[in-house]
């Protein structure tokens, strides 16, 4: 199953990560394997958080630039309509707070 557009270059990077996980999975049980699993899991957690922030920024950029309704916006970035709405509302609240403090 293709999870990203081949043109983005991300597919090759994800494939490389998958191969690295395959190598770790094939290691015999040891402290080194445990350490490798931990390192990858922690690194993936950080990357996941970073990707989520990037996606949120993209939701807001598209919403501002193209004035898309929530359903097509959500479909385009790969989140639920509810999640897209949460992102937009959080930004609206942030801007209101900023305006109130300014």
N, C-alpha and C. Protein backbone atom coordinates (compact mmCIF):
# COMPACT_ATOMS: atom_id res chain seq x y z
N UNK A 1 0.84 -1.18 0.00
CA UNK A 1 0.00 0.00 0.00
C UNK A 1 0.88 1.24 0.00
N UNK A 2 0.68 2.10 -0.98
CA UNK A 2 1.47 3.33 -1.07
C UNK A 2 0.87 4.35 -0.11
N UNK A 3 1.71 4.87 0.80
CA UNK A 3 1.19 5.81 1.78
C UNK A 3 1.56 7.25 1.48
N UNK A 4 2.47 7.46 0.55
CA UNK A 4 2.81 8.81 0.15
C UNK A 4 3.05 8.83 -1.35
N UNK A 5 2.96 10.00 -1.92
CA UNK A 5 3.21 10.18 -3.33
C UNK A 5 4.68 9.89 -3.61
N UNK A 6 4.94 9.09 -4.63
CA UNK A 6 6.32 8.75 -4.98
C UNK A 6 7.15 9.99 -5.30
N UNK A 7 6.54 11.02 -5.85
CA UNK A 7 7.26 12.23 -6.23
C UNK A 7 7.79 13.00 -5.03
N UNK A 8 7.22 12.78 -3.85
CA UNK A 8 7.65 13.55 -2.68
C UNK A 8 9.00 13.10 -2.16
N UNK A 9 9.45 11.93 -2.51
CA UNK A 9 10.69 11.40 -1.97
C UNK A 9 10.50 10.72 -0.63
N UNK A 10 9.38 10.95 0.00
CA UNK A 10 9.14 10.37 1.32
C UNK A 10 8.99 8.86 1.25
N UNK A 11 8.46 8.35 0.14
CA UNK A 11 8.26 6.91 0.02
C UNK A 11 9.59 6.16 0.13
N UNK A 12 10.63 6.68 -0.48
CA UNK A 12 11.95 6.03 -0.41
C UNK A 12 12.49 6.09 1.01
N UNK A 13 12.27 7.19 1.69
CA UNK A 13 12.75 7.32 3.06
C UNK A 13 12.00 6.36 3.98
N UNK A 14 10.70 6.22 3.77
CA UNK A 14 9.92 5.29 4.58
C UNK A 14 10.33 3.84 4.30
N UNK A 15 10.65 3.54 3.06
CA UNK A 15 11.11 2.20 2.71
C UNK A 15 12.44 1.91 3.40
N UNK A 16 13.32 2.90 3.46
CA UNK A 16 14.61 2.71 4.15
C UNK A 16 14.38 2.47 5.63
N UNK A 17 13.47 3.19 6.22
CA UNK A 17 13.15 2.98 7.63
C UNK A 17 12.58 1.57 7.85
N UNK A 18 11.73 1.14 6.95
CA UNK A 18 11.17 -0.21 7.05
C UNK A 18 12.27 -1.27 6.99
N UNK A 19 13.24 -1.07 6.11
CA UNK A 19 14.37 -2.01 6.02
C UNK A 19 15.18 -2.01 7.31
N UNK A 20 15.36 -0.85 7.90
CA UNK A 20 16.09 -0.77 9.17
C UNK A 20 15.33 -1.53 10.25
N UNK A 21 14.02 -1.39 10.28
CA UNK A 21 13.22 -2.14 11.25
C UNK A 21 13.31 -3.64 11.01
N UNK A 22 13.33 -4.03 9.73
CA UNK A 22 13.49 -5.46 9.41
C UNK A 22 14.81 -5.99 9.96
N UNK A 23 15.89 -5.20 9.84
CA UNK A 23 17.19 -5.63 10.35
C UNK A 23 17.16 -5.76 11.87
N UNK A 24 16.51 -4.83 12.54
CA UNK A 24 16.42 -4.91 14.00
C UNK A 24 15.58 -6.11 14.40
N UNK A 25 14.49 -6.32 13.71
CA UNK A 25 13.61 -7.45 14.03
C UNK A 25 14.34 -8.78 13.87
N UNK A 26 15.24 -8.85 12.92
CA UNK A 26 15.98 -10.08 12.65
C UNK A 26 17.11 -10.33 13.64
N UNK A 27 17.46 -9.34 14.45
CA UNK A 27 18.55 -9.50 15.43
C UNK A 27 18.14 -10.52 16.49
N UNK A 28 19.10 -11.28 16.98
CA UNK A 28 18.78 -12.17 18.09
C UNK A 28 18.48 -11.33 19.34
N UNK A 29 17.68 -11.88 20.22
CA UNK A 29 17.36 -11.18 21.46
C UNK A 29 18.62 -10.81 22.22
N UNK A 30 18.79 -9.55 22.51
CA UNK A 30 19.99 -9.09 23.20
C UNK A 30 19.78 -7.67 23.70
N UNK A 31 20.71 -7.20 24.49
CA UNK A 31 20.65 -5.80 24.94
C UNK A 31 20.73 -4.86 23.74
N UNK A 32 21.53 -5.24 22.75
CA UNK A 32 21.67 -4.39 21.56
C UNK A 32 20.34 -4.27 20.82
N UNK A 33 19.61 -5.37 20.70
CA UNK A 33 18.31 -5.33 20.04
C UNK A 33 17.34 -4.47 20.84
N UNK A 34 17.34 -4.66 22.14
CA UNK A 34 16.45 -3.86 23.00
C UNK A 34 16.78 -2.38 22.87
N UNK A 35 18.07 -2.05 22.86
CA UNK A 35 18.48 -0.65 22.73
C UNK A 35 18.08 -0.08 21.37
N UNK A 36 18.24 -0.89 20.33
CA UNK A 36 17.87 -0.44 18.99
C UNK A 36 16.37 -0.19 18.89
N UNK A 37 15.58 -1.10 19.46
CA UNK A 37 14.12 -0.94 19.45
C UNK A 37 13.73 0.33 20.20
N UNK A 38 14.34 0.53 21.34
CA UNK A 38 14.04 1.73 22.14
C UNK A 38 14.40 3.00 21.37
N UNK A 39 15.58 3.00 20.77
CA UNK A 39 16.03 4.17 20.03
C UNK A 39 15.08 4.49 18.87
N UNK A 40 14.69 3.46 18.15
CA UNK A 40 13.78 3.67 17.02
C UNK A 40 12.42 4.14 17.52
N UNK A 41 11.88 3.51 18.55
CA UNK A 41 10.57 3.89 19.07
C UNK A 41 10.57 5.35 19.55
N UNK A 42 11.61 5.74 20.27
CA UNK A 42 11.69 7.13 20.75
C UNK A 42 11.84 8.10 19.58
N UNK A 43 12.67 7.73 18.64
CA UNK A 43 12.87 8.59 17.46
C UNK A 43 11.60 8.73 16.64
N UNK A 44 10.89 7.62 16.47
CA UNK A 44 9.63 7.68 15.72
C UNK A 44 8.59 8.54 16.44
N UNK A 45 8.58 8.46 17.76
CA UNK A 45 7.66 9.30 18.52
C UNK A 45 7.92 10.78 18.28
N UNK A 46 9.19 11.16 18.27
CA UNK A 46 9.55 12.55 18.01
C UNK A 46 9.20 12.95 16.58
N UNK A 47 9.46 12.06 15.64
CA UNK A 47 9.13 12.35 14.25
C UNK A 47 7.62 12.44 14.05
N UNK A 48 6.87 11.59 14.75
CA UNK A 48 5.41 11.64 14.66
C UNK A 48 4.88 12.98 15.15
N UNK A 49 5.41 13.45 16.26
CA UNK A 49 4.98 14.75 16.80
C UNK A 49 5.33 15.87 15.83
N UNK A 50 6.50 15.79 15.24
CA UNK A 50 6.92 16.81 14.26
C UNK A 50 6.02 16.78 13.03
N UNK A 51 5.73 15.58 12.53
CA UNK A 51 4.85 15.46 11.35
C UNK A 51 3.45 15.98 11.66
N UNK A 52 2.96 15.73 12.86
CA UNK A 52 1.63 16.22 13.24
C UNK A 52 1.60 17.74 13.23
N UNK A 53 2.65 18.38 13.74
CA UNK A 53 2.72 19.84 13.73
C UNK A 53 2.80 20.36 12.31
N UNK A 54 3.55 19.67 11.48
CA UNK A 54 3.65 20.08 10.08
C UNK A 54 2.29 19.96 9.39
N UNK A 55 1.57 18.88 9.68
CA UNK A 55 0.25 18.70 9.08
C UNK A 55 -0.71 19.78 9.57
N UNK A 56 -0.66 20.11 10.84
CA UNK A 56 -1.50 21.18 11.37
C UNK A 56 -1.22 22.50 10.66
N UNK A 57 0.06 22.80 10.47
CA UNK A 57 0.44 24.02 9.77
C UNK A 57 -0.08 24.01 8.34
N UNK A 58 -0.03 22.85 7.71
CA UNK A 58 -0.51 22.74 6.33
C UNK A 58 -2.03 22.91 6.26
N UNK A 59 -2.74 22.36 7.25
CA UNK A 59 -4.19 22.56 7.32
C UNK A 59 -4.49 24.06 7.37
N UNK A 60 -3.79 24.77 8.23
CA UNK A 60 -4.04 26.21 8.38
C UNK A 60 -3.63 26.99 7.14
N UNK A 61 -2.53 26.60 6.52
CA UNK A 61 -2.08 27.27 5.31
C UNK A 61 -3.11 27.11 4.19
N UNK A 62 -3.56 25.89 3.99
CA UNK A 62 -4.54 25.63 2.93
C UNK A 62 -5.86 26.33 3.23
N UNK A 63 -6.29 26.26 4.48
CA UNK A 63 -7.55 26.90 4.87
C UNK A 63 -7.50 28.40 4.57
N UNK A 64 -6.37 29.03 4.88
CA UNK A 64 -6.22 30.47 4.64
C UNK A 64 -6.09 30.78 3.15
N UNK A 65 -5.23 30.05 2.47
CA UNK A 65 -4.93 30.34 1.07
C UNK A 65 -6.07 30.00 0.12
N UNK A 66 -6.76 28.89 0.41
CA UNK A 66 -7.75 28.39 -0.55
C UNK A 66 -9.18 28.45 -0.04
N UNK A 67 -9.35 28.80 1.23
CA UNK A 67 -10.69 28.90 1.82
C UNK A 67 -11.52 27.64 1.60
N UNK A 68 -10.89 26.48 1.76
CA UNK A 68 -11.60 25.21 1.59
C UNK A 68 -12.51 24.96 2.78
N UNK A 69 -13.64 24.34 2.51
CA UNK A 69 -14.52 23.86 3.58
C UNK A 69 -13.80 22.71 4.29
N UNK A 70 -14.28 22.37 5.47
CA UNK A 70 -13.58 21.37 6.29
C UNK A 70 -13.49 20.00 5.62
N UNK A 71 -14.56 19.54 5.00
CA UNK A 71 -14.54 18.18 4.42
C UNK A 71 -13.47 18.03 3.33
N UNK A 72 -13.43 18.91 2.33
CA UNK A 72 -12.37 18.75 1.33
C UNK A 72 -10.98 19.03 1.88
N UNK A 73 -10.89 19.93 2.84
CA UNK A 73 -9.61 20.21 3.49
C UNK A 73 -9.11 18.97 4.21
N UNK A 74 -9.99 18.34 4.98
CA UNK A 74 -9.62 17.14 5.73
C UNK A 74 -9.19 16.02 4.79
N UNK A 75 -9.94 15.83 3.73
CA UNK A 75 -9.60 14.77 2.78
C UNK A 75 -8.23 15.03 2.15
N UNK A 76 -7.97 16.26 1.82
CA UNK A 76 -6.70 16.60 1.17
C UNK A 76 -5.49 16.33 2.04
N UNK A 77 -5.59 16.62 3.33
CA UNK A 77 -4.43 16.43 4.21
C UNK A 77 -4.43 15.10 4.94
N UNK A 78 -5.51 14.34 4.81
CA UNK A 78 -5.54 13.00 5.39
C UNK A 78 -5.91 12.94 6.85
N UNK A 79 -6.81 13.83 7.27
CA UNK A 79 -7.34 13.77 8.63
C UNK A 79 -8.86 13.73 8.55
N UNK A 80 -9.50 13.45 9.67
CA UNK A 80 -10.95 13.48 9.69
C UNK A 80 -11.44 14.92 9.64
N UNK A 81 -12.69 15.08 9.26
CA UNK A 81 -13.29 16.41 9.24
C UNK A 81 -13.28 17.00 10.65
N UNK A 82 -13.55 16.15 11.64
CA UNK A 82 -13.54 16.60 13.04
C UNK A 82 -12.15 17.09 13.44
N UNK A 83 -11.11 16.38 13.04
CA UNK A 83 -9.74 16.78 13.39
C UNK A 83 -9.38 18.09 12.70
N UNK A 84 -9.75 18.23 11.44
CA UNK A 84 -9.49 19.49 10.74
C UNK A 84 -10.19 20.64 11.47
N UNK A 85 -11.41 20.40 11.92
CA UNK A 85 -12.15 21.42 12.66
C UNK A 85 -11.46 21.77 13.96
N UNK A 86 -10.93 20.77 14.65
CA UNK A 86 -10.20 21.02 15.90
C UNK A 86 -8.97 21.90 15.66
N UNK A 87 -8.26 21.61 14.60
CA UNK A 87 -7.05 22.38 14.28
C UNK A 87 -7.42 23.83 13.99
N UNK A 88 -8.46 24.02 13.18
CA UNK A 88 -8.89 25.38 12.83
C UNK A 88 -9.38 26.12 14.06
N UNK A 89 -10.18 25.47 14.89
CA UNK A 89 -10.71 26.12 16.10
C UNK A 89 -9.59 26.48 17.07
N UNK A 90 -8.61 25.60 17.22
CA UNK A 90 -7.49 25.88 18.13
C UNK A 90 -6.72 27.10 17.65
N UNK A 91 -6.54 27.23 16.35
CA UNK A 91 -5.85 28.40 15.82
C UNK A 91 -6.68 29.66 16.02
N UNK A 92 -7.99 29.55 15.83
CA UNK A 92 -8.87 30.71 16.06
C UNK A 92 -8.78 31.16 17.52
N UNK A 93 -8.79 30.20 18.45
CA UNK A 93 -8.67 30.54 19.88
C UNK A 93 -7.31 31.18 20.18
N UNK A 94 -6.26 30.64 19.58
CA UNK A 94 -4.92 31.18 19.78
C UNK A 94 -4.86 32.63 19.30
N UNK A 95 -5.45 32.89 18.14
CA UNK A 95 -5.44 34.26 17.60
C UNK A 95 -6.28 35.20 18.46
N UNK A 96 -7.40 34.72 18.99
CA UNK A 96 -8.23 35.54 19.85
C UNK A 96 -7.47 35.90 21.13
N UNK A 97 -6.77 34.91 21.69
CA UNK A 97 -5.98 35.16 22.91
C UNK A 97 -4.87 36.16 22.63
N UNK A 98 -4.22 35.99 21.48
CA UNK A 98 -3.15 36.90 21.09
C UNK A 98 -3.68 38.32 20.93
N UNK A 99 -4.85 38.46 20.31
CA UNK A 99 -5.46 39.78 20.11
C UNK A 99 -5.86 40.41 21.45
N UNK A 100 -6.30 39.57 22.38
CA UNK A 100 -6.68 40.05 23.70
C UNK A 100 -5.50 40.48 24.54
N UNK A 101 -4.35 39.90 24.27
CA UNK A 101 -3.14 40.24 25.03
C UNK A 101 -2.34 41.35 24.38
N UNK A 102 -2.75 41.74 23.17
CA UNK A 102 -1.97 42.72 22.41
C UNK A 102 -2.35 44.08 22.68
